[in-house]
């Protein structure tokens, strides 16, 4: 897929991948909770730096901000790559950038490569890379999470569905567009990061989101 790119495009691809990784490494959940005086998020709840663990602090405002900022950095990385890349091979460079920003969130250089699970950042990146795929993923995530009151179940549903949606949209040829491969790899990464959650869902011990107080 990358061998057909001219040399200057390969340099651009490397630059955009680096940009995406560094941007993905910014731990907004940890920053917001520290600034708000909540404490070190890595020592609270599951120790994860994502919005779900921020919610466990009791600060819904910080959780919402974390969710929005994590999604925004995913979308922003892809949008920057779109602005910087000539249209002849933009799909492939955008696809690599989308993967890089999610890898950055999951394995951030600023936190010793111990990061989040990539759900919000992945959805943000895929909304920018393939809006239809991203919208269907968001709908699946919200729908299943609301039905089961298990946030991780919604995430798993979204990232299981999205590769099939992308294949339906772009076909089975990975050569023409990097989008199917990017969605597949991002989904596999997010699912892998949820391995412990999958085990708890199967044995019925995965925590549920408390119902809203009336």
Protein backbone atom coordinates (compact mmCIF):
# COMPACT_ATOMS: atom_id res chain seq x y z
CA UNK A 1 0.00 0.00 0.00
CA UNK A 2 2.84 2.43 0.85
CA UNK A 3 5.32 1.31 -1.83
CA UNK A 4 3.44 3.27 -4.51
CA UNK A 5 3.97 6.58 -2.68
CA UNK A 6 6.69 8.95 -3.95
CA UNK A 7 9.59 9.67 -1.61
CA UNK A 8 8.32 13.09 -0.51
CA UNK A 9 4.96 11.52 0.35
CA UNK A 10 6.71 8.94 2.52
CA UNK A 11 8.39 11.77 4.43
CA UNK A 12 5.01 13.46 4.81
CA UNK A 13 3.49 10.20 5.99
CA UNK A 14 6.21 9.86 8.64
CA UNK A 15 5.67 13.46 9.78
CA UNK A 16 1.91 13.03 10.04
CA UNK A 17 2.28 9.74 11.89
CA UNK A 18 4.64 11.41 14.37
CA UNK A 19 2.26 14.36 14.78
CA UNK A 20 -0.66 11.99 15.36
CA UNK A 21 1.24 9.93 17.91
CA UNK A 22 2.40 12.96 19.93
CA UNK A 23 -1.07 14.54 19.86
CA UNK A 24 -2.62 11.23 20.91
CA UNK A 25 -0.17 11.03 23.81
CA UNK A 26 -1.62 14.14 25.49
CA UNK A 27 -3.45 12.72 28.58
CA UNK A 28 -6.38 15.10 28.93
CA UNK A 29 -8.07 13.06 31.66
CA UNK A 30 -4.97 13.15 33.84
CA UNK A 31 -4.38 16.84 33.15
CA UNK A 32 -7.96 17.87 33.95
CA UNK A 33 -8.19 15.88 37.18
CA UNK A 34 -4.84 17.21 38.38
CA UNK A 35 -5.78 20.82 37.57
CA UNK A 36 -9.15 20.36 39.31
CA UNK A 37 -7.44 19.02 42.42
CA UNK A 38 -9.06 15.60 42.18
CA UNK A 39 -5.73 13.80 42.37
CA UNK A 40 -3.70 11.43 40.23
CA UNK A 41 -6.20 9.62 38.01
CA UNK A 42 -3.81 6.68 37.71
CA UNK A 43 -4.36 5.98 41.42
CA UNK A 44 -8.17 6.21 41.25
CA UNK A 45 -10.63 3.49 40.25
CA UNK A 46 -9.24 1.38 37.41
CA UNK A 47 -6.20 3.63 37.04
CA UNK A 48 -7.16 4.34 33.43
CA UNK A 49 -6.78 7.88 32.06
CA UNK A 50 -10.03 7.85 30.07
CA UNK A 51 -13.42 9.46 30.62
CA UNK A 52 -15.03 6.41 32.26
CA UNK A 53 -12.47 6.44 35.06
CA UNK A 54 -12.76 10.22 35.40
CA UNK A 55 -16.49 9.64 35.97
CA UNK A 56 -15.58 7.43 38.94
CA UNK A 57 -14.22 10.52 40.68
CA UNK A 58 -17.77 11.87 40.81
CA UNK A 59 -16.94 14.78 38.50
CA UNK A 60 -19.31 14.44 35.55
CA UNK A 61 -18.10 17.75 34.15
CA UNK A 62 -14.51 16.54 34.02
CA UNK A 63 -15.60 13.22 32.52
CA UNK A 64 -17.53 15.01 29.76
CA UNK A 65 -14.58 17.31 29.08
CA UNK A 66 -12.20 14.35 28.93
CA UNK A 67 -14.49 12.51 26.53
CA UNK A 68 -14.77 15.55 24.29
CA UNK A 69 -11.07 16.40 24.30
CA UNK A 70 -9.97 12.80 23.71
CA UNK A 71 -12.34 12.55 20.75
CA UNK A 72 -11.27 15.98 19.50
CA UNK A 73 -7.57 15.09 19.44
CA UNK A 74 -8.38 12.05 17.30
CA UNK A 75 -10.37 14.13 14.84
CA UNK A 76 -7.85 16.99 14.90
CA UNK A 77 -4.93 14.75 13.96
CA UNK A 78 -6.77 13.44 10.90
CA UNK A 79 -7.91 16.95 9.93
CA UNK A 80 -4.35 18.31 10.13
CA UNK A 81 -3.17 15.46 7.91
CA UNK A 82 -6.01 16.20 5.48
CA UNK A 83 -4.94 19.85 5.25
CA UNK A 84 -1.27 18.97 4.77
CA UNK A 85 -1.65 16.11 2.27
CA UNK A 86 -2.15 16.31 -1.52
CA UNK A 87 -5.39 14.57 -2.60
CA UNK A 88 -3.63 11.96 -4.77
CA UNK A 89 -2.62 9.86 -1.78
CA UNK A 90 -4.41 11.54 1.12
CA UNK A 91 -6.49 8.46 2.02
CA UNK A 92 -3.43 6.41 2.90
CA UNK A 93 -1.69 9.13 4.89
CA UNK A 94 -4.92 9.98 6.73
CA UNK A 95 -5.36 6.30 7.55
CA UNK A 96 -1.88 6.04 9.07
CA UNK A 97 -2.43 9.27 11.01
CA UNK A 98 -5.70 7.94 12.44
CA UNK A 99 -3.97 4.79 13.62
CA UNK A 100 -1.04 6.78 15.05
CA UNK A 101 -3.21 9.06 17.19
CA UNK A 102 -4.99 6.07 18.76
CA UNK A 103 -1.66 4.33 19.39
CA UNK A 104 -0.48 7.54 21.06
CA UNK A 105 -3.48 7.57 23.39
CA UNK A 106 -3.05 3.90 24.29
CA UNK A 107 0.75 4.05 24.63
CA UNK A 108 1.60 7.70 25.40
CA UNK A 109 5.24 8.71 25.41
CA UNK A 110 4.53 11.19 28.23
CA UNK A 111 3.28 8.49 30.63
CA UNK A 112 5.78 5.72 30.07
CA UNK A 113 3.60 4.16 27.35
CA UNK A 114 0.80 3.38 29.83
CA UNK A 115 -2.36 5.04 28.55
CA UNK A 116 -6.05 4.61 27.91
CA UNK A 117 -8.12 2.20 25.88
CA UNK A 118 -8.62 4.36 22.80
CA UNK A 119 -12.42 4.48 22.59
CA UNK A 120 -13.06 8.23 22.43
CA UNK A 121 -9.88 8.97 20.48
CA UNK A 122 -10.64 6.13 18.08
CA UNK A 123 -14.19 7.31 17.49
CA UNK A 124 -12.99 10.88 16.95
CA UNK A 125 -10.34 9.77 14.47
CA UNK A 126 -12.78 7.55 12.58
CA UNK A 127 -15.44 10.27 12.47
CA UNK A 128 -12.89 12.40 10.61
CA UNK A 129 -11.52 9.55 8.48
CA UNK A 130 -14.84 7.96 7.51
CA UNK A 131 -17.82 9.93 8.89
CA UNK A 132 -20.44 7.25 8.14
CA UNK A 133 -18.35 4.59 9.86
CA UNK A 134 -17.74 6.87 12.84
CA UNK A 135 -21.39 7.85 13.19
CA UNK A 136 -22.53 4.21 13.12
CA UNK A 137 -19.85 3.39 15.69
CA UNK A 138 -20.99 6.22 17.97
CA UNK A 139 -24.61 5.07 17.66
CA UNK A 140 -23.66 1.49 18.52
CA UNK A 141 -21.57 2.62 21.48
CA UNK A 142 -24.26 4.86 22.94
CA UNK A 143 -27.09 2.42 22.22
CA UNK A 144 -25.46 -0.65 23.74
CA UNK A 145 -24.06 1.31 26.69
CA UNK A 146 -27.50 2.73 27.45
CA UNK A 147 -29.18 -0.66 27.08
CA UNK A 148 -26.70 -2.59 29.22
CA UNK A 149 -25.42 0.28 31.43
CA UNK A 150 -21.95 -1.13 30.73
CA UNK A 151 -19.69 1.40 29.03
CA UNK A 152 -17.19 -1.18 27.86
CA UNK A 153 -19.94 -3.26 26.23
CA UNK A 154 -20.87 -0.25 24.12
CA UNK A 155 -17.25 0.27 23.13
CA UNK A 156 -16.84 -3.39 22.18
CA UNK A 157 -20.00 -3.30 20.06
CA UNK A 158 -18.83 -0.18 18.24
CA UNK A 159 -15.38 -1.47 17.38
CA UNK A 160 -16.68 -4.88 16.33
CA UNK A 161 -19.22 -3.31 13.97
CA UNK A 162 -17.10 -0.58 12.38
CA UNK A 163 -14.69 -2.78 10.36
CA UNK A 164 -17.67 -4.42 8.65
CA UNK A 165 -19.23 -1.02 7.94
CA UNK A 166 -15.99 0.19 6.38
CA UNK A 167 -15.67 -2.91 4.22
CA UNK A 168 -19.23 -2.41 3.01
CA UNK A 169 -18.43 1.21 2.12
CA UNK A 170 -15.01 0.78 0.52
CA UNK A 171 -14.87 -2.86 -0.56
CA UNK A 172 -12.37 -5.57 0.26
CA UNK A 173 -9.40 -4.01 -1.57
CA UNK A 174 -6.93 -2.48 0.86
CA UNK A 175 -4.80 -1.27 -2.04
CA UNK A 176 -7.12 1.48 -3.26
CA UNK A 177 -7.69 3.05 0.15
CA UNK A 178 -6.05 2.70 3.52
CA UNK A 179 -9.33 3.29 5.35
CA UNK A 180 -10.45 -0.36 5.74
CA UNK A 181 -7.05 -1.38 7.08
CA UNK A 182 -6.90 1.59 9.46
CA UNK A 183 -10.37 0.88 10.86
CA UNK A 184 -9.51 -2.81 11.26
CA UNK A 185 -6.22 -2.12 13.06
CA UNK A 186 -7.72 0.57 15.31
CA UNK A 187 -10.59 -1.75 16.19
CA UNK A 188 -8.25 -4.64 16.98
CA UNK A 189 -6.15 -2.35 19.19
CA UNK A 190 -9.19 -1.09 21.11
CA UNK A 191 -10.54 -4.63 21.53
CA UNK A 192 -7.14 -5.82 22.75
CA UNK A 193 -7.05 -2.99 25.29
CA UNK A 194 -10.43 -4.22 26.56
CA UNK A 195 -9.30 -7.82 27.17
CA UNK A 196 -9.81 -7.54 30.94
CA UNK A 197 -13.25 -5.97 30.41
CA UNK A 198 -14.24 -8.83 28.10
CA UNK A 199 -13.34 -11.32 30.83
CA UNK A 200 -15.40 -9.44 33.42
CA UNK A 201 -18.38 -9.14 31.06
CA UNK A 202 -18.29 -12.90 30.45
CA UNK A 203 -18.23 -13.71 34.17
CA UNK A 204 -20.75 -11.00 35.06
CA UNK A 205 -18.50 -8.79 37.18
CA UNK A 206 -18.05 -5.78 34.88
CA UNK A 207 -19.19 -2.60 36.71
CA UNK A 208 -22.34 -0.91 35.45
CA UNK A 209 -22.92 2.81 35.11
CA UNK A 210 -25.24 3.86 37.98
CA UNK A 211 -28.73 4.92 36.85
CA UNK A 212 -29.54 8.63 36.88
CA UNK A 213 -30.95 9.92 40.13
CA UNK A 214 -34.52 11.20 39.79
